[in-house]
Amino acid sequence: MRFHREKIIQEECVRCDRCGREMLPEDSSCEYPERIAIRFRAGYGSVFGDGNLVEGDFCQHCLNEVFGKYLRIIEDDPFRPRPQSQDPARKAYQGHQLDAVLQAETFWHELRLAQGSPRSLPGYQEQADGRHNESKNDNGPVETH
């Protein structure tokens, strides 16, 4: 016996945050693979706010319109091996920054779990309202009165 059934498939689709263009994986226009996603954690003193997560999805057309005159477009030979940069600035790329932040957050989380609770870490102090501060005192937790 033949029958029909409904099959639901979810896929990631992206909409440009500037112009609203939809970029679909099955689209033959090559917009989806040419999109740019920006995601990084803002650092201390950033114009985006200390520690805020900054995200944006943009189509190739908006990237070209906004940043095109600032970008270096280099004709590339896909068969030529790419030299590894010895420049320390290579770690400034957003992917490396996000990886470094996630590794640090994981490290501190695992450390707190290994210690049993955040209260057992040096420099931890709890205020009367339940909030906590981490002091920079090397002598351990600081008493608050």
Protein backbone atom coordinates (compact mmCIF):
# COMPACT_ATOMS: atom_id res chain seq x y z
CA MET A 1 0.00 0.00 0.00
CA ARG A 2 1.30 3.44 -0.88
CA PHE A 3 0.75 6.44 1.33
CA HIS A 4 2.01 9.98 1.74
CA ARG A 5 3.57 11.37 4.83
CA GLU A 6 4.63 14.86 5.76
CA LYS A 7 8.34 15.44 6.22
CA ILE A 8 9.49 18.59 7.97
CA ILE A 9 13.04 19.78 7.41
CA GLN A 10 14.56 22.73 9.21
CA GLU A 11 17.51 24.56 7.73
CA GLU A 12 19.46 27.65 8.59
CA CYS A 13 18.55 30.65 6.49
CA VAL A 14 20.22 34.01 6.89
CA ARG A 15 18.82 37.52 6.40
CA CYS A 16 21.20 40.44 5.85
CA ASP A 17 21.00 42.78 8.84
CA ARG A 18 21.51 45.80 6.57
CA CYS A 19 19.34 45.27 3.47
CA GLY A 20 17.15 42.32 4.50
CA ARG A 21 18.20 40.07 1.61
CA GLU A 22 17.40 36.42 2.37
CA MET A 23 20.25 33.98 1.76
CA LEU A 24 19.11 30.37 1.46
CA PRO A 25 21.39 27.31 1.26
CA GLU A 26 19.51 25.82 -1.72
CA ASP A 27 19.51 29.08 -3.68
CA SER A 28 21.60 28.96 -6.86
CA SER A 29 22.57 32.65 -6.61
CA CYS A 30 25.65 31.91 -4.42
CA GLU A 31 24.51 34.45 -1.86
CA TYR A 32 24.51 31.98 1.04
CA PRO A 33 28.16 30.85 0.75
CA GLU A 34 29.31 34.43 0.12
CA ARG A 35 27.68 35.90 3.24
CA ILE A 36 29.79 37.31 6.09
CA ALA A 37 28.98 36.68 9.73
CA ILE A 38 30.54 38.92 12.37
CA ARG A 39 30.62 37.61 15.92
CA PHE A 40 33.03 38.67 18.64
CA ARG A 41 33.16 39.64 22.29
CA ALA A 42 33.95 43.33 22.84
CA GLY A 43 36.94 44.01 25.03
CA TYR A 44 37.61 46.47 27.82
CA GLY A 45 36.91 50.06 26.75
CA SER A 46 35.24 48.98 23.49
CA VAL A 47 32.79 51.30 21.75
CA PHE A 48 30.41 48.31 21.81
CA GLY A 49 30.50 48.08 25.61
CA ASP A 50 32.76 46.04 27.85
CA GLY A 51 32.26 42.31 27.33
CA ASN A 52 29.21 42.59 25.06
CA LEU A 53 28.72 40.02 22.32
CA VAL A 54 28.61 41.74 18.92
CA GLU A 55 26.93 39.92 16.02
CA GLY A 56 25.87 40.72 12.47
CA ASP A 57 25.06 38.88 9.24
CA PHE A 58 25.66 40.66 5.94
CA CYS A 59 25.30 39.81 2.27
CA GLN A 60 28.27 40.23 -0.06
CA HIS A 61 26.66 43.31 -1.67
CA CYS A 62 26.35 45.22 1.62
CA LEU A 63 29.88 44.19 2.62
CA ASN A 64 31.14 45.62 -0.67
CA GLU A 65 29.07 48.81 -0.38
CA VAL A 66 30.09 49.55 3.21
CA PHE A 67 33.66 48.22 3.39
CA GLY A 68 34.64 47.67 -0.25
CA LYS A 69 36.99 50.65 -0.49
CA TYR A 70 38.82 49.50 2.67
CA LEU A 71 39.22 45.82 1.76
CA ARG A 72 42.33 44.39 0.10
CA ILE A 73 41.21 42.12 -2.75
CA ILE A 74 44.04 39.79 -3.73
CA GLU A 75 43.78 37.51 -6.76
CA ASP A 76 44.49 34.05 -5.45
CA ASP A 77 45.79 30.85 -7.01
CA PRO A 78 44.04 27.98 -5.20
CA PHE A 79 46.90 25.59 -6.04
CA ARG A 80 49.64 27.74 -4.50
CA PRO A 81 50.31 26.92 -0.83
CA ARG A 82 49.48 29.79 1.48
CA PRO A 83 52.32 30.98 3.69
CA GLN A 84 51.60 31.05 7.41
CA SER A 85 51.77 34.56 8.79
CA GLN A 86 54.30 35.13 11.55
CA ASP A 87 52.52 38.36 12.41
CA PRO A 88 51.04 38.33 15.95
CA ALA A 89 48.17 40.43 14.59
CA ARG A 90 46.74 37.24 13.03
CA LYS A 91 45.27 36.49 16.46
CA ALA A 92 43.22 39.68 16.22
CA TYR A 93 40.72 38.01 13.90
CA GLN A 94 37.25 37.63 15.40
CA GLY A 95 37.29 33.82 15.25
CA HIS A 96 40.43 33.64 17.36
CA GLN A 97 39.06 36.18 19.84
CA LEU A 98 35.83 34.25 20.32
CA ASP A 99 37.72 30.96 20.72
CA ALA A 100 39.98 32.56 23.34
CA VAL A 101 36.99 33.94 25.28
CA LEU A 102 35.17 30.60 25.19
CA GLN A 103 38.30 28.75 26.34
CA ALA A 104 38.75 31.17 29.25
CA GLU A 105 35.09 30.89 30.27
CA THR A 106 35.30 27.09 30.15
CA PHE A 107 38.51 27.10 32.19
CA TRP A 108 37.02 29.28 34.95
CA HIS A 109 33.80 27.27 34.98
CA GLU A 110 35.72 23.98 35.35
CA LEU A 111 37.94 25.51 38.03
CA ARG A 112 34.94 26.62 40.04
CA LEU A 113 33.36 23.18 39.72
CA ALA A 114 36.61 21.51 40.83
CA GLN A 115 36.77 23.79 43.86
CA GLY A 116 33.20 22.90 44.83
CA SER A 117 31.78 26.41 44.58
CA PRO A 118 32.83 29.91 43.60
CA ARG A 119 33.11 30.79 47.31
CA SER A 120 36.22 28.64 47.66
CA LEU A 121 38.17 30.67 45.10
CA PRO A 122 40.67 33.23 46.44
CA GLY A 123 39.39 36.78 46.24
CA TYR A 124 35.69 35.86 46.39
CA GLN A 125 33.55 37.90 48.72
CA GLU A 126 29.81 37.90 49.16
CA GLN A 127 27.95 41.09 49.94
CA ALA A 128 24.95 41.36 52.25
CA ASP A 129 22.55 41.49 49.27
CA GLY A 130 23.84 38.15 47.89
CA ARG A 131 25.98 39.63 45.11
CA HIS A 132 29.66 38.85 45.01
CA ASN A 133 32.85 40.66 44.19
CA GLU A 134 36.24 39.22 43.37
CA SER A 135 38.97 41.29 45.00
CA LYS A 136 42.55 41.57 43.83
CA ASN A 137 43.87 40.95 47.35
CA ASP A 138 46.50 38.19 47.43
CA ASN A 139 45.66 37.41 51.07
CA GLY A 140 42.41 35.66 50.18
CA PRO A 141 38.83 36.84 50.61
CA VAL A 142 38.26 40.30 51.99
CA GLU A 143 35.74 40.77 54.76
CA THR A 144 32.98 43.31 54.06
CA HIS A 145 31.23 45.04 56.91
